[in-house]
Amino acid sequence: MQKAGFCSSPNLLKPNVYSPRDSICHHLERDSMGQFRTGAARLSAGHHCLAAVFITLYGYHVCSIISALDLITWAVTLVPVLLMQWTMRWLAVSVAPSTRSASSPNWAFSLELLAFALGGILIGVINTKVHGVPVTNGVKVALSFLALGLFAALDQAILGTRERLKQGGLSEPVETVRLSLATQLAWLLGSMIALVVAIAGALMLRLLDEPGPDTGQTLAIELAVLFASFSAYSAYVLSRAHQVFSLALAEQLSALGGMTSGGASRRARIAMRDEIGMISTRVNWMLDALQTAEQQRIIAHAAMLRGLIGLAGTRDNETGQHLARTQKYVETIAAELAKQPHYLAVLTPEVIKLCVAAAPLHDIGKVAIPDAILLKSGKLTHEEFAMMQTHVGEGVRVIDAIIAEAGESPFLLTAREMVGGHHEKFDGSGYPLGLKAESIPLSARLMAVADVYDALRTQRVYKPAVDRNTARQIIIDGAGKHFDPDIVSAFLVVEPVIARLSETMADAAQIRAPEKANFSIIH
């Protein structure tokens, strides 16, 4: 499984050398650690302040013993305990060796719950031993601290999970579930219910020990406050948990979205060791397998392309660089044509790449033409020319055979268009189907201009080369007859570039014509 992150891999070449990259990684880790500690400390401080306000208001409104104490005495009792437990938690986070260990959800949960539990026990002992309150009252206060600590611990665990996602997720896949999500929820729900029952039981015991005329009303008020507080805290924690679950699912959707959009490099970050983490692991493994298959497909495709181009080159009766030049011509003309509004949405970069890749295959059907015709130095007879024209159909059959075996692909379909249509003419006088205007595939119309221009500018066994101006004028004269006028317009814009390509990519033994010459092109 691929891991994302700037500092995910060590300096393997020089493990004992402190490099600038190591320095950057240390700074990133230090900044992340500082931000997390600050965020965790603020969250914990917020829960401690809320606990102080809740217990004070609760005690002064419904607890006769706490309300009997003056505010200063109660503050001197409560505030130092809360400060002590918050400081203990802050120190524990500060000595953590890394952000990953400090932000571990289980560790953050346990630390916060332990701090509140110890604080609750301490405040219960103080109330019982110093202020002389009944034991049931001390137990009730300790349980209240524990209940508040449970919610604070859940909030810290959620923060740790979010930080884990931010840091890139777990460093290893989740192959087995240590504690299922259902079990976690069952334990959590059971703990909350047990705490509510225990606190309610302590309330009833105290009121039974101290009966009075308003016992029933007091009990009802205390229970109402208890359940209202638990409900409010539960709603808050559930909303925070919903955000984390949404983030975890969004990771999977983002990874799968990369696959459906044509790439599979994105991997889902894993934050939890439950079923969601296992599903994310399976998603990542699936994407790894798909990416491997895609890489193998690309390798096979490239090998097939090289083989086909090599086959086309060995049976080409034209010059050695003809395939390479026409490929560059197609690329140059297509890039210019794509700037026109009418072609902006049609000639996308992906389509241009396909046209460029398929261009060398345009004459692959010549593998079926006999050498006596393919390599003849003179003008072909009518019968020989008819035989030469069959190279289009033969080329289409070659591509169709590959499609039948390997299935359709954008590349093969583009190659089929170029092979079958590059001898069609815009006015319908071409072959083999006599297609006209835009019924001729765009890739074939591009290939027609590139092919004819290179045939004009190069010497062949049956004709001399022509000069640049003559070749340019023939292309212009062919607009609307042989060639698509739009493509001719694009050609004229980039003709200086194509002319330079024709010169720089010329065959070593090629003879150029500085002046006009007679010519005859077999098309």
Protein backbone atom coordinates (compact mmCIF):
# COMPACT_ATOMS: atom_id res chain seq x y z
CA MET A 1 0.00 0.00 0.00
CA GLN A 2 1.36 3.38 -0.96
CA LYS A 3 1.91 5.94 1.73
CA ALA A 4 1.45 9.61 1.04
CA GLY A 5 3.50 12.24 2.79
CA PHE A 6 6.57 14.38 2.28
CA CYS A 7 8.54 12.73 5.08
CA SER A 8 7.26 9.19 4.68
CA SER A 9 10.60 7.64 3.69
CA PRO A 10 14.00 7.97 5.42
CA ASN A 11 17.27 9.05 3.86
CA LEU A 12 18.43 5.58 2.78
CA LEU A 13 21.49 6.66 0.85
CA LYS A 14 23.16 8.45 3.75
CA PRO A 15 21.38 7.38 6.95
CA ASN A 16 23.93 9.03 9.22
CA VAL A 17 24.05 12.36 7.42
CA TYR A 18 21.72 15.15 8.47
CA SER A 19 20.44 16.51 5.16
CA PRO A 20 18.39 19.67 4.41
CA ARG A 21 15.46 17.37 3.67
CA ASP A 22 15.82 15.87 7.17
CA SER A 23 15.71 19.39 8.55
CA ILE A 24 12.49 20.12 6.68
CA CYS A 25 10.95 16.89 7.99
CA HIS A 26 11.93 17.77 11.56
CA HIS A 27 10.36 21.20 11.18
CA LEU A 28 7.15 19.72 9.77
CA GLU A 29 6.97 17.15 12.59
CA ARG A 30 7.71 19.80 15.19
CA ASP A 31 5.09 22.19 13.81
CA SER A 32 2.50 19.43 13.61
CA MET A 33 3.31 18.31 17.15
CA GLY A 34 2.99 21.86 18.45
CA GLN A 35 -0.33 22.41 16.71
CA PHE A 36 -1.75 19.14 18.03
CA ARG A 37 -0.60 19.78 21.61
CA THR A 38 -2.13 23.24 21.51
CA GLY A 39 -5.40 21.94 20.11
CA ALA A 40 -5.59 19.05 22.59
CA ALA A 41 -4.75 21.35 25.52
CA ARG A 42 -7.47 23.84 24.51
CA LEU A 43 -10.03 21.08 24.08
CA SER A 44 -9.16 19.60 27.48
CA ALA A 45 -9.25 23.06 29.10
CA GLY A 46 -12.70 23.62 27.63
CA HIS A 47 -14.00 20.37 29.11
CA HIS A 48 -12.46 21.20 32.50
CA CYS A 49 -14.05 24.65 32.54
CA LEU A 50 -17.38 23.15 31.55
CA ALA A 51 -17.02 20.58 34.31
CA ALA A 52 -16.34 23.33 36.87
CA VAL A 53 -19.38 25.33 35.76
CA PHE A 54 -21.68 22.30 35.59
CA ILE A 55 -20.71 20.84 38.97
CA THR A 56 -20.91 24.23 40.68
CA LEU A 57 -24.33 25.14 39.24
CA TYR A 58 -25.59 21.62 39.79
CA GLY A 59 -24.35 21.53 43.36
CA TYR A 60 -25.67 24.96 44.36
CA HIS A 61 -29.11 24.35 42.86
CA VAL A 62 -29.86 20.75 43.81
CA CYS A 63 -27.26 19.66 46.35
CA SER A 64 -27.91 20.98 49.82
CA ILE A 65 -24.46 20.03 51.07
CA ILE A 66 -22.51 21.87 48.36
CA SER A 67 -24.88 24.83 48.55
CA ALA A 68 -24.13 25.01 52.27
CA LEU A 69 -20.52 25.86 51.45
CA ASP A 70 -19.62 29.42 50.57
CA LEU A 71 -18.44 30.02 47.02
CA ILE A 72 -14.83 30.71 48.00
CA THR A 73 -14.56 27.48 49.99
CA TRP A 74 -16.00 25.49 47.08
CA ALA A 75 -13.72 27.25 44.57
CA VAL A 76 -10.64 26.52 46.72
CA THR A 77 -11.75 22.88 46.76
CA LEU A 78 -12.67 22.44 43.08
CA VAL A 79 -10.31 24.65 41.08
CA PRO A 80 -6.98 23.19 42.34
CA VAL A 81 -8.23 19.66 41.57
CA LEU A 82 -9.21 20.60 38.01
CA LEU A 83 -5.92 22.44 37.48
CA MET A 84 -4.03 19.45 38.81
CA GLN A 85 -5.70 16.95 36.49
CA TRP A 86 -5.42 19.25 33.45
CA THR A 87 -1.71 19.86 34.17
CA MET A 88 -1.11 16.12 34.56
CA ARG A 89 -2.67 15.48 31.17
CA TRP A 90 -0.74 18.32 29.52
CA LEU A 91 2.56 17.03 30.88
CA ALA A 92 1.81 13.51 29.62
CA VAL A 93 1.18 14.83 26.10
CA SER A 94 4.28 17.04 26.24
CA VAL A 95 6.64 14.14 26.89
CA ALA A 96 5.24 12.06 24.02
CA PRO A 97 8.03 11.26 21.51
CA SER A 98 6.01 12.07 18.38
CA THR A 99 2.72 13.38 17.11
CA ARG A 100 1.60 9.89 16.17
CA SER A 101 2.01 8.57 19.71
CA ALA A 102 0.55 11.70 21.31
CA SER A 103 -2.48 11.69 19.00
CA SER A 104 -3.23 7.97 19.26
CA PRO A 105 -7.01 7.86 19.84
CA ASN A 106 -6.75 5.09 22.45
CA TRP A 107 -3.96 6.88 24.29
CA ALA A 108 -5.77 10.24 24.20
CA PHE A 109 -8.99 8.59 25.43
CA SER A 110 -7.29 6.75 28.30
CA LEU A 111 -5.28 9.78 29.40
CA GLU A 112 -8.28 12.13 29.56
CA LEU A 113 -10.50 9.58 31.31
CA LEU A 114 -7.76 8.78 33.83
CA ALA A 115 -7.26 12.49 34.60
CA PHE A 116 -10.96 13.02 35.31
CA ALA A 117 -11.23 9.76 37.29
CA LEU A 118 -8.33 10.72 39.56
CA GLY A 119 -9.73 14.23 39.93
CA GLY A 120 -13.16 12.83 40.81
CA ILE A 121 -11.72 10.51 43.44
CA LEU A 122 -9.69 13.36 44.93
CA ILE A 123 -12.63 15.79 45.10
CA GLY A 124 -14.82 13.03 46.59
CA VAL A 125 -12.25 12.33 49.30
CA ILE A 126 -11.89 16.06 50.05
CA ASN A 127 -15.66 16.51 50.32
CA THR A 128 -15.95 13.51 52.63
CA LYS A 129 -12.89 14.08 54.83
CA VAL A 130 -12.62 17.89 54.87
CA HIS A 131 -16.19 19.08 54.49
CA GLY A 132 -17.78 16.16 56.27
CA VAL A 133 -20.32 15.27 53.59
CA PRO A 134 -21.82 11.76 53.48
CA VAL A 135 -19.98 9.07 51.54
CA THR A 136 -22.86 8.76 49.06
CA ASN A 137 -22.41 12.41 48.19
CA GLY A 138 -18.67 11.93 47.66
CA VAL A 139 -19.36 8.91 45.45
CA LYS A 140 -21.92 10.90 43.46
CA VAL A 141 -19.42 13.70 42.82
CA ALA A 142 -16.70 11.19 41.85
CA LEU A 143 -19.08 9.44 39.44
CA SER A 144 -20.11 12.81 37.99
CA PHE A 145 -16.43 13.56 37.32
CA LEU A 146 -16.05 10.15 35.71
CA ALA A 147 -19.10 10.72 33.49
CA LEU A 148 -17.81 14.12 32.39
CA GLY A 149 -14.41 12.55 31.84
CA LEU A 150 -15.94 9.89 29.60
CA PHE A 151 -17.35 12.53 27.27
CA ALA A 152 -14.11 14.56 27.38
CA ALA A 153 -12.11 11.40 26.62
CA LEU A 154 -14.33 10.60 23.64
CA ASP A 155 -13.78 14.13 22.34
CA GLN A 156 -10.01 13.73 22.70
CA ALA A 157 -10.14 10.36 20.90
CA ILE A 158 -12.04 12.01 18.05
CA LEU A 159 -9.42 14.77 17.89
CA GLY A 160 -6.69 12.12 17.82
CA THR A 161 -8.43 10.31 14.97
CA ARG A 162 -8.65 13.52 12.95
CA GLU A 163 -4.96 14.19 13.64
CA ARG A 164 -4.10 10.66 12.51
CA LEU A 165 -5.86 11.31 9.21
CA LYS A 166 -4.01 14.61 8.89
CA GLN A 167 -0.69 12.83 9.48
CA GLY A 168 -1.39 10.36 6.66
CA GLY A 169 -3.20 7.61 8.55
CA LEU A 170 -1.91 4.39 10.04
CA SER A 171 1.53 3.25 8.93
CA GLU A 172 0.33 -0.32 8.37
CA PRO A 173 -2.81 -1.84 6.84
CA VAL A 174 -5.68 -3.10 8.98
CA GLU A 175 -5.79 -6.83 8.24
CA THR A 176 -7.78 -7.89 11.30
CA VAL A 177 -10.21 -5.98 13.50
CA ARG A 178 -8.95 -5.74 17.07
CA LEU A 179 -12.20 -4.40 18.46
CA SER A 180 -15.22 -4.19 16.22
CA LEU A 181 -17.17 -0.99 15.86
CA ALA A 182 -20.27 -2.69 17.26
CA THR A 183 -18.32 -3.80 20.34
CA GLN A 184 -16.92 -0.31 20.85
CA LEU A 185 -20.38 1.22 20.65
CA ALA A 186 -21.76 -1.44 23.01
CA TRP A 187 -19.04 -0.74 25.58
CA LEU A 188 -19.55 2.99 25.25
CA LEU A 189 -23.32 2.80 25.57
CA GLY A 190 -23.04 0.34 28.46
CA SER A 191 -20.58 2.62 30.29
CA MET A 192 -22.86 5.62 29.91
CA ILE A 193 -25.89 3.69 31.13
CA ALA A 194 -23.91 2.28 34.07
CA LEU A 195 -22.72 5.77 35.07
CA VAL A 196 -26.21 7.22 34.83
CA VAL A 197 -27.63 4.38 36.90
CA ALA A 198 -24.82 4.69 39.47
CA ILE A 199 -25.25 8.45 39.82
CA ALA A 200 -29.03 8.10 40.02
CA GLY A 201 -28.58 5.38 42.66
CA ALA A 202 -26.28 7.64 44.69
CA LEU A 203 -28.88 10.39 44.51
CA MET A 204 -31.61 8.08 45.77
CA LEU A 205 -29.45 6.73 48.58
CA ARG A 206 -28.58 10.22 49.78
CA LEU A 207 -32.20 11.35 49.73
CA LEU A 208 -33.29 8.19 51.53
CA ASP A 209 -30.64 8.83 54.18
CA GLU A 210 -31.85 12.46 54.51
CA PRO A 211 -35.62 12.32 54.05
CA GLY A 212 -37.50 15.60 53.97
CA PRO A 213 -40.76 17.15 52.86
CA ASP A 214 -39.37 17.95 49.39
CA THR A 215 -37.45 14.70 48.85
CA GLY A 216 -39.47 13.62 45.81
CA GLN A 217 -39.25 17.04 44.17
CA THR A 218 -35.51 17.29 44.81
CA LEU A 219 -34.93 13.83 43.40
CA ALA A 220 -36.94 14.66 40.26
CA ILE A 221 -34.98 17.87 39.70
CA GLU A 222 -31.61 16.18 40.17
CA LEU A 223 -32.55 13.35 37.82
CA ALA A 224 -33.85 15.84 35.23
CA VAL A 225 -30.60 17.83 35.40
CA LEU A 226 -28.62 14.59 35.16
CA PHE A 227 -30.44 13.29 32.09
CA ALA A 228 -30.48 16.70 30.38
CA SER A 229 -26.73 17.05 30.87
CA PHE A 230 -26.05 13.56 29.55
CA SER A 231 -28.29 14.18 26.54
CA ALA A 232 -26.56 17.46 25.67
CA TYR A 233 -23.09 15.94 26.01
CA SER A 234 -24.13 12.86 24.00
CA ALA A 235 -25.48 15.01 21.17
CA TYR A 236 -22.23 16.99 21.07
CA VAL A 237 -19.98 13.91 21.00
CA LEU A 238 -22.16 12.18 18.39
CA SER A 239 -21.91 15.21 16.11
CA ARG A 240 -18.12 15.18 16.45
CA ALA A 241 -17.99 11.42 15.81
CA HIS A 242 -20.16 11.89 12.73
CA GLN A 243 -17.53 14.26 11.32
CA VAL A 244 -14.78 11.66 11.76
CA PHE A 245 -16.83 8.87 10.18
CA SER A 246 -17.62 11.19 7.30
CA LEU A 247 -13.91 11.94 6.83
CA ALA A 248 -13.05 8.23 6.85
CA LEU A 249 -15.71 7.46 4.26
CA ALA A 250 -14.67 10.50 2.21
CA GLU A 251 -11.15 9.02 2.06
CA GLN A 252 -12.53 5.86 0.45
CA LEU A 253 -14.72 7.81 -1.96
CA SER A 254 -11.80 10.05 -2.92
CA ALA A 255 -9.57 7.05 -3.61
CA LEU A 256 -12.27 5.32 -5.65
CA GLY A 257 -13.00 8.60 -7.45
CA GLY A 258 -9.38 8.73 -8.63
CA MET A 259 -9.83 5.28 -10.16
CA THR A 260 -13.04 6.17 -12.01
CA SER A 261 -11.51 9.40 -13.35
CA GLY A 262 -8.68 7.51 -15.01
CA GLY A 263 -6.05 7.33 -12.30
CA ALA A 264 -5.46 5.13 -9.28
CA SER A 265 -2.57 6.86 -7.48
CA ARG A 266 -4.67 8.15 -4.57
CA ARG A 267 -4.97 5.86 -1.54
CA ALA A 268 -7.42 6.09 1.34
CA ARG A 269 -5.82 7.19 4.59
CA ILE A 270 -6.74 4.83 7.44
CA ALA A 271 -7.48 6.28 10.86
CA MET A 272 -9.24 3.47 12.71
CA ARG A 273 -8.55 -0.21 13.37
CA ASP A 274 -12.18 -1.23 13.03
CA GLU A 275 -14.34 -2.35 10.10
CA ILE A 276 -14.00 1.06 8.42
CA GLY A 277 -10.21 0.75 8.58
CA MET A 278 -10.38 -2.77 7.17
CA ILE A 279 -12.62 -1.64 4.32
CA SER A 280 -10.19 1.20 3.56
CA THR A 281 -7.36 -1.35 3.54
CA ARG A 282 -9.27 -3.55 1.09
CA VAL A 283 -9.99 -0.51 -1.10
CA ASN A 284 -6.27 0.35 -1.15
CA TRP A 285 -5.30 -3.24 -1.98
CA MET A 286 -7.82 -3.25 -4.81
CA LEU A 287 -6.41 0.01 -6.15
CA ASP A 288 -2.88 -1.41 -5.89
CA ALA A 289 -3.95 -4.41 -7.94
CA LEU A 290 -5.68 -2.20 -10.50
CA GLN A 291 -2.66 0.07 -10.76
CA THR A 292 -0.37 -2.93 -11.26
CA ALA A 293 -2.69 -4.27 -13.95
CA GLU A 294 -2.81 -0.85 -15.59
CA GLN A 295 0.99 -0.61 -15.58
CA GLN A 296 1.22 -4.05 -17.14
CA ARG A 297 -1.37 -3.03 -19.73
CA ILE A 298 0.64 0.09 -20.56
CA ILE A 299 3.82 -1.99 -20.94
CA ALA A 300 2.01 -4.47 -23.18
CA HIS A 301 0.44 -1.63 -25.16
CA ALA A 302 3.82 0.04 -25.65
CA ALA A 303 5.37 -3.26 -26.75
CA MET A 304 2.52 -3.85 -29.20
CA LEU A 305 2.87 -0.32 -30.54
CA ARG A 306 6.62 -0.72 -31.03
CA GLY A 307 6.06 -4.01 -32.81
CA LEU A 308 3.41 -2.59 -35.11
CA ILE A 309 5.47 0.50 -35.91
CA GLY A 310 8.50 -1.68 -36.56
CA LEU A 311 6.42 -3.86 -38.86
CA ALA A 312 5.10 -0.79 -40.69
CA GLY A 313 8.61 0.60 -41.06
CA THR A 314 10.10 -2.58 -42.51
CA ARG A 315 7.44 -2.72 -45.22
CA ASP A 316 7.33 0.99 -46.00
CA ASN A 317 8.28 1.82 -49.58
CA GLU A 318 9.00 5.39 -48.55
CA THR A 319 11.84 7.00 -46.63
CA GLY A 320 13.09 5.78 -43.27
CA GLN A 321 12.11 8.92 -41.39
CA HIS A 322 8.69 9.21 -43.02
CA LEU A 323 6.85 7.74 -40.04
CA ALA A 324 8.66 9.97 -37.52
CA ARG A 325 8.16 13.14 -39.61
CA THR A 326 4.46 12.60 -40.27
CA GLN A 327 3.97 11.92 -36.57
CA LYS A 328 5.51 15.31 -35.71
CA TYR A 329 3.49 17.02 -38.44
CA VAL A 330 0.24 15.59 -37.05
CA GLU A 331 1.17 16.74 -33.56
CA THR A 332 2.06 20.27 -34.70
CA ILE A 333 -1.01 20.79 -36.89
CA ALA A 334 -3.40 19.28 -34.31
CA ALA A 335 -2.04 21.52 -31.56
CA GLU A 336 -2.71 24.58 -33.71
CA LEU A 337 -6.14 23.36 -34.85
CA ALA A 338 -7.15 22.79 -31.21
CA LYS A 339 -6.91 26.55 -30.62
CA GLN A 340 -9.90 27.17 -32.89
CA PRO A 341 -13.22 27.41 -30.97
CA HIS A 342 -14.89 24.75 -33.08
CA TYR A 343 -12.20 22.19 -32.21
CA LEU A 344 -11.48 23.21 -28.62
CA ALA A 345 -13.73 20.53 -27.12
CA VAL A 346 -12.92 17.95 -29.80
CA LEU A 347 -9.13 18.06 -29.98
CA THR A 348 -8.37 17.66 -26.30
CA PRO A 349 -4.78 16.93 -25.21
CA GLU A 350 -5.76 13.27 -24.78
CA VAL A 351 -7.16 13.06 -28.32
CA ILE A 352 -4.05 14.72 -29.76
CA LYS A 353 -1.85 12.19 -27.93
CA LEU A 354 -3.87 9.34 -29.43
CA CYS A 355 -3.54 10.80 -32.94
CA VAL A 356 0.20 11.25 -32.53
CA ALA A 357 0.66 7.72 -31.17
CA ALA A 358 -1.40 6.14 -33.97
CA ALA A 359 0.07 8.16 -36.86
CA PRO A 360 2.99 5.78 -37.59
CA LEU A 361 0.49 2.99 -38.28
CA HIS A 362 -1.32 4.75 -41.12
CA ASP A 363 0.33 2.59 -43.82
CA ILE A 364 0.62 -0.67 -41.88
CA GLY A 365 -1.52 -2.38 -44.54
CA LYS A 366 1.46 -2.27 -46.90
CA VAL A 367 2.65 -5.48 -45.22
CA ALA A 368 0.25 -7.24 -47.63
CA ILE A 369 1.53 -5.52 -50.81
CA PRO A 370 4.00 -7.56 -52.93
CA ASP A 371 7.55 -6.22 -53.18
CA ALA A 372 7.26 -5.99 -56.97
CA ILE A 373 4.65 -3.30 -56.55
CA LEU A 374 5.75 -1.78 -53.24
CA LEU A 375 9.36 -1.22 -54.36
CA LYS A 376 8.76 -0.49 -58.05
CA SER A 377 10.85 2.48 -59.21
CA GLY A 378 8.58 3.52 -62.07
CA LYS A 379 5.00 4.53 -62.42
CA LEU A 380 2.46 1.90 -61.44
CA THR A 381 0.04 0.44 -63.95
CA HIS A 382 -3.68 0.71 -63.41
CA GLU A 383 -3.79 -2.85 -62.01
CA GLU A 384 -0.76 -2.26 -59.79
CA PHE A 385 -2.27 0.97 -58.47
CA ALA A 386 -5.50 -0.88 -57.67
CA MET A 387 -3.44 -3.45 -55.77
CA MET A 388 -1.60 -0.65 -53.94
CA GLN A 389 -4.93 0.82 -52.85
CA THR A 390 -5.80 -2.41 -51.06
CA HIS A 391 -3.24 -1.55 -48.37
CA VAL A 392 -5.95 0.54 -46.66
CA GLY A 393 -8.31 -2.39 -46.30
CA GLU A 394 -5.48 -4.70 -45.29
CA GLY A 395 -4.41 -2.23 -42.60
CA VAL A 396 -7.96 -2.03 -41.26
CA ARG A 397 -8.06 -5.82 -41.08
CA VAL A 398 -4.82 -5.85 -39.07
CA ILE A 399 -6.26 -3.41 -36.53
CA ASP A 400 -9.61 -5.23 -36.44
CA ALA A 401 -7.82 -8.50 -35.70
CA ILE A 402 -6.07 -6.88 -32.73
CA ILE A 403 -9.36 -5.38 -31.48
CA ALA A 404 -11.08 -8.78 -31.77
CA GLU A 405 -8.33 -10.33 -29.62
CA ALA A 406 -7.59 -7.57 -27.11
CA GLY A 407 -10.80 -5.53 -27.13
CA GLU A 408 -11.44 -1.95 -28.11
CA SER A 409 -9.28 0.87 -26.77
CA PRO A 410 -9.12 4.59 -27.65
CA PHE A 411 -5.71 4.04 -29.24
CA LEU A 412 -6.80 1.14 -31.46
CA LEU A 413 -9.98 2.95 -32.54
CA THR A 414 -7.96 6.06 -33.44
CA ALA A 415 -5.46 3.90 -35.35
CA ARG A 416 -8.32 2.27 -37.25
CA GLU A 417 -9.67 5.71 -38.23
CA MET A 418 -6.28 6.86 -39.49
CA VAL A 419 -5.52 3.65 -41.36
CA GLY A 420 -8.93 3.50 -43.01
CA GLY A 421 -9.40 7.18 -43.78
CA HIS A 422 -6.10 8.86 -44.59
CA HIS A 423 -6.66 8.37 -48.38
CA GLU A 424 -10.20 9.74 -48.31
CA LYS A 425 -10.61 13.23 -49.82
CA PHE A 426 -12.69 16.11 -48.55
CA ASP A 427 -14.73 16.30 -51.78
CA GLY A 428 -15.56 12.56 -51.68
CA SER A 429 -13.22 11.49 -54.49
CA GLY A 430 -10.87 9.47 -52.29
CA TYR A 431 -10.77 5.79 -51.41
CA PRO A 432 -11.68 3.19 -50.21
CA LEU A 433 -15.19 4.38 -49.18
CA GLY A 434 -15.47 7.74 -50.89
CA LEU A 435 -16.22 9.51 -47.63
CA LYS A 436 -16.83 13.24 -47.79
CA ALA A 437 -16.12 16.27 -45.58
CA GLU A 438 -16.66 15.67 -41.86
CA SER A 439 -17.78 12.08 -42.42
CA ILE A 440 -14.04 11.46 -42.69
CA PRO A 441 -12.65 11.02 -39.15
CA LEU A 442 -10.75 14.07 -37.93
CA SER A 443 -7.64 12.00 -37.22
CA ALA A 444 -7.63 10.79 -40.84
CA ARG A 445 -8.06 14.34 -42.16
CA LEU A 446 -5.02 15.41 -40.13
CA MET A 447 -3.05 12.44 -41.40
CA ALA A 448 -3.93 13.24 -45.02
CA VAL A 449 -2.26 16.67 -44.89
CA ALA A 450 0.80 15.38 -43.05
CA ASP A 451 1.19 12.39 -45.39
CA VAL A 452 0.87 14.36 -48.62
CA TYR A 453 3.17 17.15 -47.45
CA ASP A 454 5.91 14.66 -46.57
CA ALA A 455 5.40 12.84 -49.89
CA LEU A 456 5.88 16.15 -51.69
CA ARG A 457 8.96 17.24 -49.78
CA THR A 458 10.90 13.96 -49.99
CA GLN A 459 12.52 12.08 -52.84
CA ARG A 460 11.02 8.67 -53.55
CA VAL A 461 11.81 5.89 -55.96
CA TYR A 462 9.14 7.10 -58.38
CA LYS A 463 9.64 10.91 -58.10
CA PRO A 464 11.98 13.72 -57.03
CA ALA A 465 11.33 16.04 -54.09
CA VAL A 466 9.69 19.43 -54.56
CA ASP A 467 10.65 22.70 -52.95
CA ARG A 468 8.95 24.17 -49.91
CA ASN A 469 6.92 26.82 -51.73
CA THR A 470 5.58 24.34 -54.27
CA ALA A 471 4.56 21.89 -51.55
CA ARG A 472 2.89 24.69 -49.62
CA GLN A 473 0.94 25.83 -52.68
CA ILE A 474 -0.24 22.29 -53.47
CA ILE A 475 -1.65 21.99 -49.94
CA ILE A 476 -3.40 25.36 -50.36
CA ASP A 477 -4.85 24.34 -53.73
CA GLY A 478 -6.14 21.12 -52.19
CA ALA A 479 -8.23 22.89 -49.53
CA GLY A 480 -11.87 21.88 -49.95
CA LYS A 481 -10.92 19.26 -52.54
CA HIS A 482 -8.39 16.89 -51.07
CA PHE A 483 -8.04 18.46 -47.63
CA ASP A 484 -10.20 19.89 -44.87
CA PRO A 485 -10.01 23.72 -45.23
CA ASP A 486 -9.79 24.15 -41.43
CA ILE A 487 -6.81 21.85 -41.25
CA VAL A 488 -5.16 23.64 -44.18
CA SER A 489 -5.62 26.94 -42.31
CA ALA A 490 -3.96 25.47 -39.23
CA PHE A 491 -1.21 24.01 -41.41
CA LEU A 492 -0.42 27.42 -42.91
CA VAL A 493 0.00 28.93 -39.44
CA VAL A 494 2.57 26.30 -38.42
CA GLU A 495 4.05 25.70 -41.88
CA PRO A 496 7.39 27.33 -40.95
CA VAL A 497 7.70 24.89 -38.05
CA ILE A 498 6.81 21.93 -40.28
CA ALA A 499 9.28 23.08 -42.92
CA ARG A 500 12.06 23.14 -40.30
CA LEU A 501 11.04 19.66 -39.13
CA SER A 502 11.19 18.47 -42.71
CA GLU A 503 14.78 19.72 -42.98
CA THR A 504 16.07 18.65 -39.56
CA MET A 505 14.48 15.19 -39.76
CA ALA A 506 15.47 14.53 -43.37
CA ASP A 507 17.05 11.20 -44.31
CA ALA A 508 20.81 11.26 -44.64
CA ALA A 509 20.73 10.45 -48.36
CA GLN A 510 17.71 12.61 -49.10
CA ILE A 511 18.04 14.99 -52.06
CA ARG A 512 16.11 18.23 -51.65
CA ALA A 513 14.78 20.20 -54.62
CA PRO A 514 15.76 23.88 -54.37
CA GLU A 515 13.60 24.74 -57.36
CA LYS A 516 10.35 23.53 -58.86
CA ALA A 517 10.35 20.03 -60.30
CA ASN A 518 7.97 17.73 -62.03
CA PHE A 519 6.26 15.37 -59.67
CA SER A 520 3.81 12.52 -59.58
CA ILE A 521 2.38 11.30 -56.29
CA ILE A 522 0.73 7.94 -56.01
CA HIS A 523 -2.26 8.37 -53.68
